[in-house]
Amino acid sequence: MAEITGQGEKAQAEKGQAEKRSGRKILIGTVVSNKMQKTIVVEVTRKKAHPMYKRVIAIRKKFYAHDEKNEAHPGDQVRIEESRPLSKLKRWTLKEIVRKTALVPEIDVDAGTGIGR
């Protein structure tokens, strides 16, 4: 009898894990731009060996992701998740901000002198 309940608990635990897994891809990258409303551009870099020369090269790709609360800023490390198509280019949503970047104040450019460029 104990074995049967043990198997049932194991099956229930596996069922819980299956519900958590959505089968959607998750990527980690750096926010490059947040100039659009509720949209961020995330650059994901991955390392791959060149097929012929076997040298490790970095491959960069940009993804447009939905940021509902406009909380991500350029330089932040974020986790994005695959989703249904939200617009022409947006197929990802912001899952969480892994690491915030240090906020650097913008330099005010004096229009007359050009100082600050």
PDB file of N, CA and C in Angstrom:
ATOM      1  N   MET A   1       0.826  -1.194   0.000  1.00  0.00           N
ATOM      2  CA  MET A   1       0.000   0.000   0.000  1.00  0.00           C
ATOM      3  C   MET A   1       0.869   1.255   0.000  1.00  0.00           C
ATOM      4  N   ALA A   2       1.971   1.218   0.760  1.00  0.00           N
ATOM      5  CA  ALA A   2       2.859   2.370   0.828  1.00  0.00           C
ATOM      6  C   ALA A   2       3.503   2.632  -0.536  1.00  0.00           C
ATOM      7  N   GLU A   3       3.772   1.561  -1.262  1.00  0.00           N
ATOM      8  CA  GLU A   3       4.383   1.713  -2.577  1.00  0.00           C
ATOM      9  C   GLU A   3       3.433   2.411  -3.542  1.00  0.00           C
ATOM     10  N   ILE A   4       2.171   2.097  -3.452  1.00  0.00           N
ATOM     11  CA  ILE A   4       1.191   2.695  -4.355  1.00  0.00           C
ATOM     12  C   ILE A   4       1.081   4.192  -4.100  1.00  0.00           C
ATOM     13  N   THR A   5       1.015   4.586  -2.818  1.00  0.00           N
ATOM     14  CA  THR A   5       0.928   6.023  -2.519  1.00  0.00           C
ATOM     15  C   THR A   5       2.216   6.725  -2.904  1.00  0.00           C
ATOM     16  N   GLY A   6       3.349   6.036  -2.736  1.00  0.00           N
ATOM     17  CA  GLY A   6       4.628   6.623  -3.135  1.00  0.00           C
ATOM     18  C   GLY A   6       4.675   6.894  -4.629  1.00  0.00           C
ATOM     19  N   GLN A   7       4.152   5.957  -5.416  1.00  0.00           N
ATOM     20  CA  GLN A   7       4.114   6.146  -6.863  1.00  0.00           C
ATOM     21  C   GLN A   7       3.156   7.263  -7.242  1.00  0.00           C
ATOM     22  N   GLY A   8       2.049   7.352  -6.517  1.00  0.00           N
ATOM     23  CA  GLY A   8       1.077   8.412  -6.794  1.00  0.00           C
ATOM     24  C   GLY A   8       1.658   9.789  -6.522  1.00  0.00           C
ATOM     25  N   GLU A   9       2.424   9.907  -5.456  1.00  0.00           N
ATOM     26  CA  GLU A   9       3.067  11.187  -5.132  1.00  0.00           C
ATOM     27  C   GLU A   9       4.105  11.540  -6.191  1.00  0.00           C
ATOM     28  N   LYS A  10       4.819  10.514  -6.641  1.00  0.00           N
ATOM     29  CA  LYS A  10       5.833  10.738  -7.681  1.00  0.00           C
ATOM     30  C   LYS A  10       5.170  11.205  -8.978  1.00  0.00           C
ATOM     31  N   ALA A  11       4.076  10.570  -9.340  1.00  0.00           N
ATOM     32  CA  ALA A  11       3.345  10.947 -10.555  1.00  0.00           C
ATOM     33  C   ALA A  11       2.781  12.354 -10.428  1.00  0.00           C
ATOM     34  N   GLN A  12       2.306  12.686  -9.215  1.00  0.00           N
ATOM     35  CA  GLN A  12       1.772  14.027  -8.992  1.00  0.00           C
ATOM     36  C   GLN A  12       2.873  15.073  -9.102  1.00  0.00           C
ATOM     37  N   ALA A  13       4.069  14.757  -8.581  1.00  0.00           N
ATOM     38  CA  ALA A  13       5.193  15.685  -8.663  1.00  0.00           C
ATOM     39  C   ALA A  13       5.590  15.901 -10.122  1.00  0.00           C
ATOM     40  N   GLU A  14       5.608  14.825 -10.902  1.00  0.00           N
ATOM     41  CA  GLU A  14       5.938  14.957 -12.322  1.00  0.00           C
ATOM     42  C   GLU A  14       4.874  15.768 -13.059  1.00  0.00           C
ATOM     43  N   LYS A  15       3.629  15.580 -12.664  1.00  0.00           N
ATOM     44  CA  LYS A  15       2.540  16.333 -13.289  1.00  0.00           C
ATOM     45  C   LYS A  15       2.680  17.822 -12.994  1.00  0.00           C
ATOM     46  N   GLY A  16       3.079  18.146 -11.742  1.00  0.00           N
ATOM     47  CA  GLY A  16       3.296  19.546 -11.362  1.00  0.00           C
ATOM     48  C   GLY A  16       4.419  20.175 -12.170  1.00  0.00           C
ATOM     49  N   GLN A  17       5.480  19.399 -12.404  1.00  0.00           N
ATOM     50  CA  GLN A  17       6.591  19.916 -13.206  1.00  0.00           C
ATOM     51  C   GLN A  17       6.169  20.102 -14.652  1.00  0.00           C
ATOM     52  N   ALA A  18       5.338  19.208 -15.152  1.00  0.00           N
ATOM     53  CA  ALA A  18       4.878  19.313 -16.538  1.00  0.00           C
ATOM     54  C   ALA A  18       4.023  20.561 -16.717  1.00  0.00           C
ATOM     55  N   GLU A  19       3.256  20.927 -15.706  1.00  0.00           N
ATOM     56  CA  GLU A  19       2.443  22.142 -15.793  1.00  0.00           C
ATOM     57  C   GLU A  19       3.312  23.390 -15.762  1.00  0.00           C
ATOM     58  N   LYS A  20       4.413  23.332 -15.012  1.00  0.00           N
ATOM     59  CA  LYS A  20       5.308  24.486 -14.942  1.00  0.00           C
ATOM     60  C   LYS A  20       6.022  24.709 -16.272  1.00  0.00           C
ATOM     61  N   ARG A  21       6.435  23.623 -16.904  1.00  0.00           N
ATOM     62  CA  ARG A  21       7.131  23.734 -18.185  1.00  0.00           C
ATOM     63  C   ARG A  21       6.131  24.082 -19.272  1.00  0.00           C
ATOM     64  N   SER A  22       6.396  25.167 -19.952  1.00  0.00           N
ATOM     65  CA  SER A  22       5.470  25.566 -20.999  1.00  0.00           C
ATOM     66  C   SER A  22       5.993  25.192 -22.392  1.00  0.00           C
ATOM     67  N   GLY A  23       7.253  24.753 -22.459  1.00  0.00           N
ATOM     68  CA  GLY A  23       7.818  24.413 -23.753  1.00  0.00           C
ATOM     69  C   GLY A  23       8.288  25.633 -24.520  1.00  0.00           C
ATOM     70  N   ARG A  24       8.206  26.795 -23.877  1.00  0.00           N
ATOM     71  CA  ARG A  24       8.631  28.033 -24.532  1.00  0.00           C
ATOM     72  C   ARG A  24      10.108  28.278 -24.269  1.00  0.00           C
ATOM     73  N   LYS A  25      10.785  28.834 -25.269  1.00  0.00           N
ATOM     74  CA  LYS A  25      12.204  29.118 -25.130  1.00  0.00           C
ATOM     75  C   LYS A  25      12.406  30.309 -24.201  1.00  0.00           C
ATOM     76  N   ILE A  26      13.480  30.273 -23.449  1.00  0.00           N
ATOM     77  CA  ILE A  26      13.851  31.376 -22.566  1.00  0.00           C
ATOM     78  C   ILE A  26      15.284  31.751 -22.890  1.00  0.00           C
ATOM     79  N   LEU A  27      15.539  33.055 -23.090  1.00  0.00           N
ATOM     80  CA  LEU A  27      16.870  33.553 -23.408  1.00  0.00           C
ATOM     81  C   LEU A  27      17.260  34.637 -22.420  1.00  0.00           C
ATOM     82  N   ILE A  28      18.566  34.802 -22.225  1.00  0.00           N
ATOM     83  CA  ILE A  28      19.081  35.880 -21.385  1.00  0.00           C
ATOM     84  C   ILE A  28      19.934  36.777 -22.256  1.00  0.00           C
ATOM     85  N   GLY A  29      19.677  38.091 -22.176  1.00  0.00           N
ATOM     86  CA  GLY A  29      20.422  39.040 -22.993  1.00  0.00           C
ATOM     87  C   GLY A  29      20.481  40.410 -22.355  1.00  0.00           C
ATOM     88  N   THR A  30      21.040  41.353 -23.084  1.00  0.00           N
ATOM     89  CA  THR A  30      21.217  42.721 -22.616  1.00  0.00           C
ATOM     90  C   THR A  30      20.281  43.650 -23.369  1.00  0.00           C
ATOM     91  N   VAL A  31      19.635  44.542 -22.635  1.00  0.00           N
ATOM     92  CA  VAL A  31      18.742  45.517 -23.264  1.00  0.00           C
ATOM     93  C   VAL A  31      19.586  46.539 -24.013  1.00  0.00           C
ATOM     94  N   VAL A  32      19.288  46.730 -25.287  1.00  0.00           N
ATOM     95  CA  VAL A  32      20.014  47.679 -26.122  1.00  0.00           C
ATOM     96  C   VAL A  32      19.240  48.988 -26.228  1.00  0.00           C
ATOM     97  N   SER A  33      17.900  48.886 -26.312  1.00  0.00           N
ATOM     98  CA  SER A  33      17.073  50.071 -26.500  1.00  0.00           C
ATOM     99  C   SER A  33      15.728  49.890 -25.808  1.00  0.00           C
ATOM    100  N   ASN A  34      15.210  51.006 -25.287  1.00  0.00           N
ATOM    101  CA  ASN A  34      13.853  51.008 -24.733  1.00  0.00           C
ATOM    102  C   ASN A  34      13.110  52.262 -25.179  1.00  0.00           C
ATOM    103  N   LYS A  35      13.421  52.746 -26.371  1.00  0.00           N
ATOM    104  CA  LYS A  35      12.860  54.004 -26.860  1.00  0.00           C
ATOM    105  C   LYS A  35      11.418  53.873 -27.341  1.00  0.00           C
ATOM    106  N   MET A  36      10.953  52.639 -27.523  1.00  0.00           N
ATOM    107  CA  MET A  36       9.564  52.432 -27.939  1.00  0.00           C
ATOM    108  C   MET A  36       8.691  52.228 -26.707  1.00  0.00           C
ATOM    109  N   GLN A  37       7.404  52.445 -26.863  1.00  0.00           N
ATOM    110  CA  GLN A  37       6.483  52.241 -25.753  1.00  0.00           C
ATOM    111  C   GLN A  37       6.208  50.757 -25.582  1.00  0.00           C
ATOM    112  N   LYS A  38       6.436  50.246 -24.378  1.00  0.00           N
ATOM    113  CA  LYS A  38       6.184  48.851 -24.010  1.00  0.00           C
ATOM    114  C   LYS A  38       6.968  47.851 -24.850  1.00  0.00           C
ATOM    115  N   THR A  39       8.066  48.277 -25.437  1.00  0.00           N
ATOM    116  CA  THR A  39       8.901  47.391 -26.243  1.00  0.00           C
ATOM    117  C   THR A  39      10.365  47.640 -25.923  1.00  0.00           C
ATOM    118  N   ILE A  40      11.114  46.566 -25.774  1.00  0.00           N
ATOM    119  CA  ILE A  40      12.557  46.678 -25.590  1.00  0.00           C
ATOM    120  C   ILE A  40      13.250  45.857 -26.672  1.00  0.00           C
ATOM    121  N   VAL A  41      14.484  46.237 -26.980  1.00  0.00           N
ATOM    122  CA  VAL A  41      15.299  45.475 -27.912  1.00  0.00           C
ATOM    123  C   VAL A  41      16.377  44.792 -27.078  1.00  0.00           C
ATOM    124  N   VAL A  42      16.427  43.470 -27.146  1.00  0.00           N
ATOM    125  CA  VAL A  42      17.356  42.684 -26.342  1.00  0.00           C
ATOM    126  C   VAL A  42      18.361  42.017 -27.272  1.00  0.00           C
ATOM    127  N   GLU A  43      19.645  42.171 -26.960  1.00  0.00           N
ATOM    128  CA  GLU A  43      20.697  41.545 -27.744  1.00  0.00           C
ATOM    129  C   GLU A  43      21.197  40.310 -27.001  1.00  0.00           C
ATOM    130  N   VAL A  44      21.085  39.160 -27.644  1.00  0.00           N
ATOM    131  CA  VAL A  44      21.518  37.895 -27.061  1.00  0.00           C
ATOM    132  C   VAL A  44      22.798  37.471 -27.767  1.00  0.00           C
ATOM    133  N   THR A  45      23.847  37.214 -26.979  1.00  0.00           N
ATOM    134  CA  THR A  45      25.127  36.787 -27.526  1.00  0.00           C
ATOM    135  C   THR A  45      25.367  35.341 -27.130  1.00  0.00           C
ATOM    136  N   ARG A  46      25.705  34.525 -28.118  1.00  0.00           N
ATOM    137  CA  ARG A  46      26.049  33.139 -27.804  1.00  0.00           C
ATOM    138  C   ARG A  46      27.350  32.789 -28.507  1.00  0.00           C
ATOM    139  N   LYS A  47      28.095  31.902 -27.896  1.00  0.00           N
ATOM    140  CA  LYS A  47      29.386  31.479 -28.437  1.00  0.00           C
ATOM    141  C   LYS A  47      29.199  30.166 -29.181  1.00  0.00           C
ATOM    142  N   LYS A  48      29.845  30.069 -30.339  1.00  0.00           N
ATOM    143  CA  LYS A  48      29.709  28.885 -31.161  1.00  0.00           C
ATOM    144  C   LYS A  48      31.025  28.635 -31.896  1.00  0.00           C
ATOM    145  N   ALA A  49      31.371  27.382 -32.068  1.00  0.00           N
ATOM    146  CA  ALA A  49      32.582  27.037 -32.822  1.00  0.00           C
ATOM    147  C   ALA A  49      32.286  27.170 -34.314  1.00  0.00           C
ATOM    148  N   HIS A  50      33.213  27.784 -35.036  1.00  0.00           N
ATOM    149  CA  HIS A  50      33.056  27.915 -36.481  1.00  0.00           C
ATOM    150  C   HIS A  50      33.090  26.516 -37.101  1.00  0.00           C
ATOM    151  N   PRO A  51      32.179  26.218 -38.055  1.00  0.00           N
ATOM    152  CA  PRO A  51      32.108  24.851 -38.591  1.00  0.00           C
ATOM    153  C   PRO A  51      33.398  24.359 -39.253  1.00  0.00           C
ATOM    154  N   MET A  52      34.109  25.254 -39.936  1.00  0.00           N
ATOM    155  CA  MET A  52      35.302  24.817 -40.658  1.00  0.00           C
ATOM    156  C   MET A  52      36.579  25.056 -39.861  1.00  0.00           C
ATOM    157  N   TYR A  53      36.709  26.264 -39.275  1.00  0.00           N
ATOM    158  CA  TYR A  53      37.959  26.646 -38.631  1.00  0.00           C
ATOM    159  C   TYR A  53      38.015  26.291 -37.146  1.00  0.00           C
ATOM    160  N   LYS A  54      36.884  25.897 -36.558  1.00  0.00           N
ATOM    161  CA  LYS A  54      36.785  25.483 -35.158  1.00  0.00           C
ATOM    162  C   LYS A  54      37.158  26.577 -34.166  1.00  0.00           C
ATOM    163  N   ARG A  55      37.237  27.797 -34.618  1.00  0.00           N
ATOM    164  CA  ARG A  55      37.498  28.912 -33.715  1.00  0.00           C
ATOM    165  C   ARG A  55      36.172  29.363 -33.091  1.00  0.00           C
ATOM    166  N   VAL A  56      36.195  29.710 -31.821  1.00  0.00           N
ATOM    167  CA  VAL A  56      34.978  30.136 -31.135  1.00  0.00           C
ATOM    168  C   VAL A  56      34.652  31.569 -31.543  1.00  0.00           C
ATOM    169  N   ILE A  57      33.445  31.762 -32.043  1.00  0.00           N
ATOM    170  CA  ILE A  57      33.011  33.094 -32.455  1.00  0.00           C
ATOM    171  C   ILE A  57      31.749  33.464 -31.686  1.00  0.00           C
ATOM    172  N   ALA A  58      31.547  34.750 -31.498  1.00  0.00           N
ATOM    173  CA  ALA A  58      30.354  35.242 -30.810  1.00  0.00           C
ATOM    174  C   ALA A  58      29.302  35.608 -31.842  1.00  0.00           C
ATOM    175  N   ILE A  59      28.118  35.066 -31.670  1.00  0.00           N
ATOM    176  CA  ILE A  59      27.006  35.371 -32.574  1.00  0.00           C
ATOM    177  C   ILE A  59      26.014  36.219 -31.807  1.00  0.00           C
ATOM    178  N   ARG A  60      25.713  37.417 -32.340  1.00  0.00           N
ATOM    179  CA  ARG A  60      24.776  38.327 -31.678  1.00  0.00           C
ATOM    180  C   ARG A  60      23.489  38.391 -32.477  1.00  0.00           C
ATOM    181  N   LYS A  61      22.379  38.413 -31.762  1.00  0.00           N
ATOM    182  CA  LYS A  61      21.085  38.528 -32.414  1.00  0.00           C
ATOM    183  C   LYS A  61      20.193  39.410 -31.565  1.00  0.00           C
ATOM    184  N   LYS A  62      19.398  40.245 -32.219  1.00  0.00           N
ATOM    185  CA  LYS A  62      18.501  41.150 -31.509  1.00  0.00           C
ATOM    186  C   LYS A  62      17.080  40.607 -31.543  1.00  0.00           C
ATOM    187  N   PHE A  63      16.405  40.727 -30.407  1.00  0.00           N
ATOM    188  CA  PHE A  63      15.016  40.302 -30.286  1.00  0.00           C
ATOM    189  C   PHE A  63      14.194  41.475 -29.760  1.00  0.00           C
ATOM    190  N   TYR A  64      12.997  41.645 -30.303  1.00  0.00           N
ATOM    191  CA  TYR A  64      12.059  42.648 -29.802  1.00  0.00           C
ATOM    192  C   TYR A  64      11.169  41.960 -28.772  1.00  0.00           C
ATOM    193  N   ALA A  65      11.099  42.538 -27.575  1.00  0.00           N
ATOM    194  CA  ALA A  65      10.335  41.916 -26.494  1.00  0.00           C
ATOM    195  C   ALA A  65       9.339  42.909 -25.912  1.00  0.00           C
ATOM    196  N   HIS A  66       8.210  42.385 -25.438  1.00  0.00           N
ATOM    197  CA  HIS A  66       7.150  43.198 -24.839  1.00  0.00           C
ATOM    198  C   HIS A  66       7.477  43.457 -23.373  1.00  0.00           C
ATOM    199  N   ASP A  67       7.521  44.731 -22.991  1.00  0.00           N
ATOM    200  CA  ASP A  67       7.778  45.151 -21.607  1.00  0.00           C
ATOM    201  C   ASP A  67       6.565  45.953 -21.152  1.00  0.00           C
ATOM    202  N   GLU A  68       5.621  45.301 -20.520  1.00  0.00           N
ATOM    203  CA  GLU A  68       4.332  45.910 -20.165  1.00  0.00           C
ATOM    204  C   GLU A  68       4.480  47.146 -19.290  1.00  0.00           C
ATOM    205  N   LYS A  69       5.395  47.106 -18.319  1.00  0.00           N
ATOM    206  CA  LYS A  69       5.512  48.207 -17.350  1.00  0.00           C
ATOM    207  C   LYS A  69       6.632  49.186 -17.669  1.00  0.00           C
ATOM    208  N   ASN A  70       7.300  49.039 -18.787  1.00  0.00           N
ATOM    209  CA  ASN A  70       8.437  49.892 -19.166  1.00  0.00           C
ATOM    210  C   ASN A  70       9.472  49.965 -18.049  1.00  0.00           C
ATOM    211  N   GLU A  71       9.849  48.798 -17.497  1.00  0.00           N
ATOM    212  CA  GLU A  71      10.759  48.781 -16.362  1.00  0.00           C
ATOM    213  C   GLU A  71      12.205  48.454 -16.722  1.00  0.00           C
ATOM    214  N   ALA A  72      12.472  47.990 -17.926  1.00  0.00           N
ATOM    215  CA  ALA A  72      13.838  47.659 -18.335  1.00  0.00           C
ATOM    216  C   ALA A  72      14.500  48.862 -18.984  1.00  0.00           C
ATOM    217  N   HIS A  73      15.793  49.030 -18.710  1.00  0.00           N
ATOM    218  CA  HIS A  73      16.572  50.149 -19.250  1.00  0.00           C
ATOM    219  C   HIS A  73      17.800  49.603 -19.971  1.00  0.00           C
ATOM    220  N   PRO A  74      18.381  50.400 -20.875  1.00  0.00           N
ATOM    221  CA  PRO A  74      19.566  49.930 -21.604  1.00  0.00           C
ATOM    222  C   PRO A  74      20.681  49.515 -20.646  1.00  0.00           C
ATOM    223  N   GLY A  75      21.272  48.366 -20.937  1.00  0.00           N
ATOM    224  CA  GLY A  75      22.350  47.837 -20.105  1.00  0.00           C
ATOM    225  C   GLY A  75      21.892  46.773 -19.126  1.00  0.00           C
ATOM    226  N   ASP A  76      20.590  46.663 -18.884  1.00  0.00           N
ATOM    227  CA  ASP A  76      20.075  45.653 -17.955  1.00  0.00           C
ATOM    228  C   ASP A  76      20.198  44.259 -18.558  1.00  0.00           C
ATOM    229  N   GLN A  77      20.502  43.276 -17.699  1.00  0.00           N
ATOM    230  CA  GLN A  77      20.466  41.869 -18.101  1.00  0.00           C
ATOM    231  C   GLN A  77      19.046  41.388 -17.853  1.00  0.00           C
ATOM    232  N   VAL A  78      18.394  40.844 -18.873  1.00  0.00           N
ATOM    233  CA  VAL A  78      16.993  40.418 -18.737  1.00  0.00           C
ATOM    234  C   VAL A  78      16.808  38.994 -19.240  1.00  0.00           C
ATOM    235  N   ARG A  79      15.733  38.355 -18.754  1.00  0.00           N
ATOM    236  CA  ARG A  79      15.325  37.039 -19.223  1.00  0.00           C
ATOM    237  C   ARG A  79      14.042  37.238 -20.015  1.00  0.00           C
ATOM    238  N   ILE A  80      14.030  36.781 -21.270  1.00  0.00           N
ATOM    239  CA  ILE A  80      12.841  36.924 -22.107  1.00  0.00           C
ATOM    240  C   ILE A  80      12.303  35.544 -22.456  1.00  0.00           C
ATOM    241  N   GLU A  81      10.985  35.486 -22.679  1.00  0.00           N
ATOM    242  CA  GLU A  81      10.326  34.217 -22.961  1.00  0.00           C
ATOM    243  C   GLU A  81       9.571  34.313 -24.277  1.00  0.00           C
ATOM    244  N   GLU A  82       9.604  33.250 -25.024  1.00  0.00           N
ATOM    245  CA  GLU A  82       8.896  33.172 -26.298  1.00  0.00           C
ATOM    246  C   GLU A  82       7.391  33.298 -26.052  1.00  0.00           C
ATOM    247  N   SER A  83       6.690  34.003 -26.952  1.00  0.00           N
ATOM    248  CA  SER A  83       5.238  34.167 -26.795  1.00  0.00           C
ATOM    249  C   SER A  83       4.578  34.186 -28.174  1.00  0.00           C
ATOM    250  N   ARG A  84       3.291  34.382 -28.159  1.00  0.00           N
ATOM    251  CA  ARG A  84       2.567  34.482 -29.421  1.00  0.00           C
ATOM    252  C   ARG A  84       2.980  35.790 -30.116  1.00  0.00           C
ATOM    253  N   PRO A  85       2.780  35.928 -31.413  1.00  0.00           N
ATOM    254  CA  PRO A  85       3.119  37.182 -32.091  1.00  0.00           C
ATOM    255  C   PRO A  85       2.290  38.349 -31.558  1.00  0.00           C
ATOM    256  N   LEU A  86       2.984  39.393 -31.096  1.00  0.00           N
ATOM    257  CA  LEU A  86       2.309  40.566 -30.549  1.00  0.00           C
ATOM    258  C   LEU A  86       2.274  41.712 -31.549  1.00  0.00           C
ATOM    259  N   SER A  87       3.191  41.720 -32.491  1.00  0.00           N
ATOM    260  CA  SER A  87       3.212  42.716 -33.556  1.00  0.00           C
ATOM    261  C   SER A  87       4.041  42.141 -34.702  1.00  0.00           C
ATOM    262  N   LYS A  88       4.422  42.990 -35.631  1.00  0.00           N
ATOM    263  CA  LYS A  88       5.183  42.520 -36.786  1.00  0.00           C
ATOM    264  C   LYS A  88       6.501  41.865 -36.368  1.00  0.00           C
ATOM    265  N   LEU A  89       7.177  42.437 -35.374  1.00  0.00           N
ATOM    266  CA  LEU A  89       8.484  41.936 -34.964  1.00  0.00           C
ATOM    267  C   LEU A  89       8.515  41.320 -33.568  1.00  0.00           C
ATOM    268  N   LYS A  90       7.542  41.636 -32.732  1.00  0.00           N
ATOM    269  CA  LYS A  90       7.572  41.182 -31.332  1.00  0.00           C
ATOM    270  C   LYS A  90       7.023  39.776 -31.182  1.00  0.00           C
ATOM    271  N   ARG A  91       7.885  38.867 -30.747  1.00  0.00           N
ATOM    272  CA  ARG A  91       7.472  37.493 -30.459  1.00  0.00           C
ATOM    273  C   ARG A  91       7.983  37.029 -29.103  1.00  0.00           C
ATOM    274  N   TRP A  92       8.443  37.955 -28.269  1.00  0.00           N
ATOM    275  CA  TRP A  92       9.011  37.656 -26.963  1.00  0.00           C
ATOM    276  C   TRP A  92       8.412  38.586 -25.915  1.00  0.00           C
ATOM    277  N   THR A  93       8.394  38.131 -24.656  1.00  0.00           N
ATOM    278  CA  THR A  93       7.940  38.974 -23.550  1.00  0.00           C
ATOM    279  C   THR A  93       9.007  38.982 -22.470  1.00  0.00           C
ATOM    280  N   LEU A  94       9.058  40.073 -21.727  1.00  0.00           N
ATOM    281  CA  LEU A  94      10.011  40.208 -20.636  1.00  0.00           C
ATOM    282  C   LEU A  94       9.558  39.332 -19.478  1.00  0.00           C
ATOM    283  N   LYS A  95      10.408  38.413 -19.072  1.00  0.00           N
ATOM    284  CA  LYS A  95      10.089  37.504 -17.961  1.00  0.00           C
ATOM    285  C   LYS A  95      10.525  38.130 -16.640  1.00  0.00           C
ATOM    286  N   GLU A  96      11.797  38.556 -16.583  1.00  0.00           N
ATOM    287  CA  GLU A  96      12.311  39.202 -15.378  1.00  0.00           C
ATOM    288  C   GLU A  96      13.599  39.945 -15.701  1.00  0.00           C
ATOM    289  N   ILE A  97      13.932  40.883 -14.827  1.00  0.00           N
ATOM    290  CA  ILE A  97      15.204  41.595 -14.939  1.00  0.00           C
ATOM    291  C   ILE A  97      16.185  40.863 -14.038  1.00  0.00           C
ATOM    292  N   VAL A  98      17.225  40.303 -14.641  1.00  0.00           N
ATOM    293  CA  VAL A  98      18.204  39.526 -13.896  1.00  0.00           C
ATOM    294  C   VAL A  98      19.134  40.452 -13.123  1.00  0.00           C
ATOM    295  N   ARG A  99      19.636  41.506 -13.795  1.00  0.00           N
ATOM    296  CA  ARG A  99      20.561  42.434 -13.144  1.00  0.00           C
ATOM    297  C   ARG A  99      20.344  43.827 -13.703  1.00  0.00           C
ATOM    298  N   LYS A 100      20.157  44.785 -12.813  1.00  0.00           N
ATOM    299  CA  LYS A 100      19.998  46.178 -13.226  1.00  0.00           C
ATOM    300  C   LYS A 100      21.378  46.774 -13.471  1.00  0.00           C
ATOM    301  N   THR A 101      21.444  47.709 -14.405  1.00  0.00           N
ATOM    302  CA  THR A 101      22.694  48.417 -14.659  1.00  0.00           C
ATOM    303  C   THR A 101      22.781  49.618 -13.731  1.00  0.00           C
ATOM    304  N   ALA A 102      23.990  50.099 -13.505  1.00  0.00           N
ATOM    305  CA  ALA A 102      24.162  51.301 -12.696  1.00  0.00           C
ATOM    306  C   ALA A 102      23.638  52.484 -13.496  1.00  0.00           C
ATOM    307  N   LEU A 103      22.778  53.269 -12.888  1.00  0.00           N
ATOM    308  CA  LEU A 103      22.196  54.411 -13.589  1.00  0.00           C
ATOM    309  C   LEU A 103      23.222  55.530 -13.690  1.00  0.00           C
ATOM    310  N   VAL A 104      23.493  55.938 -14.920  1.00  0.00           N
ATOM    311  CA  VAL A 104      24.438  57.015 -15.181  1.00  0.00           C
ATOM    312  C   VAL A 104      23.637  58.223 -15.639  1.00  0.00           C
ATOM    313  N   PRO A 105      23.787  59.383 -14.960  1.00  0.00           N
ATOM    314  CA  PRO A 105      23.018  60.552 -15.387  1.00  0.00           C
ATOM    315  C   PRO A 105      23.454  61.017 -16.773  1.00  0.00           C
ATOM    316  N   GLU A 106      22.473  61.444 -17.566  1.00  0.00           N
ATOM    317  CA  GLU A 106      22.771  61.933 -18.911  1.00  0.00           C
ATOM    318  C   GLU A 106      23.426  63.304 -18.814  1.00  0.00           C
ATOM    319  N   ILE A 107      24.354  63.566 -19.727  1.00  0.00           N
ATOM    320  CA  ILE A 107      25.049  64.851 -19.748  1.00  0.00           C
ATOM    321  C   ILE A 107      24.209  65.835 -20.539  1.00  0.00           C
ATOM    322  N   ASP A 108      23.943  66.994 -19.949  1.00  0.00           N
ATOM    323  CA  ASP A 108      23.152  68.019 -20.621  1.00  0.00           C
ATOM    324  C   ASP A 108      24.064  68.769 -21.581  1.00  0.00           C
ATOM    325  N   VAL A 109      23.691  68.795 -22.848  1.00  0.00           N
ATOM    326  CA  VAL A 109      24.520  69.431 -23.877  1.00  0.00           C
ATOM    327  C   VAL A 109      24.115  70.889 -23.990  1.00  0.00           C
ATOM    328  N   ASP A 110      25.119  71.770 -23.864  1.00  0.00           N
ATOM    329  CA  ASP A 110      24.864  73.193 -24.028  1.00  0.00           C
ATOM    330  C   ASP A 110      24.774  73.482 -25.527  1.00  0.00           C
ATOM    331  N   ALA A 111      23.646  73.992 -25.977  1.00  0.00           N
ATOM    332  CA  ALA A 111      23.385  74.170 -27.408  1.00  0.00           C
ATOM    333  C   ALA A 111      24.351  75.161 -28.052  1.00  0.00           C
ATOM    334  N   GLY A 112      24.736  76.191 -27.332  1.00  0.00           N
ATOM    335  CA  GLY A 112      25.588  77.228 -27.926  1.00  0.00           C
ATOM    336  C   GLY A 112      27.033  76.806 -28.076  1.00  0.00           C
ATOM    337  N   THR A 113      27.601  76.145 -27.089  1.00  0.00           N
ATOM    338  CA  THR A 113      29.022  75.842 -27.117  1.00  0.00           C
ATOM    339  C   THR A 113      29.343  74.445 -27.623  1.00  0.00           C
ATOM    340  N   GLY A 114      28.404  73.537 -27.522  1.00  0.00           N
ATOM    341  CA  GLY A 114      28.671  72.177 -27.947  1.00  0.00           C
ATOM    342  C   GLY A 114      29.426  71.402 -26.909  1.00  0.00           C
ATOM    343  N   ILE A 115      29.557  71.953 -25.706  1.00  0.00           N
ATOM    344  CA  ILE A 115      30.273  71.262 -24.632  1.00  0.00           C
ATOM    345  C   ILE A 115      29.383  70.133 -24.110  1.00  0.00           C
ATOM    346  N   GLY A 116      30.007  69.016 -23.830  1.00  0.00           N
ATOM    347  CA  GLY A 116      29.267  67.885 -23.318  1.00  0.00           C
ATOM    348  C   GLY A 116      29.101  66.776 -24.336  1.00  0.00           C
ATOM    349  N   ARG A 117      29.640  66.968 -25.507  1.00  0.00           N
ATOM    350  CA  ARG A 117      29.540  65.923 -26.528  1.00  0.00           C
ATOM    351  C   ARG A 117      30.667  64.987 -26.451  1.00  0.00           C
TER     352      ARG A 117
END
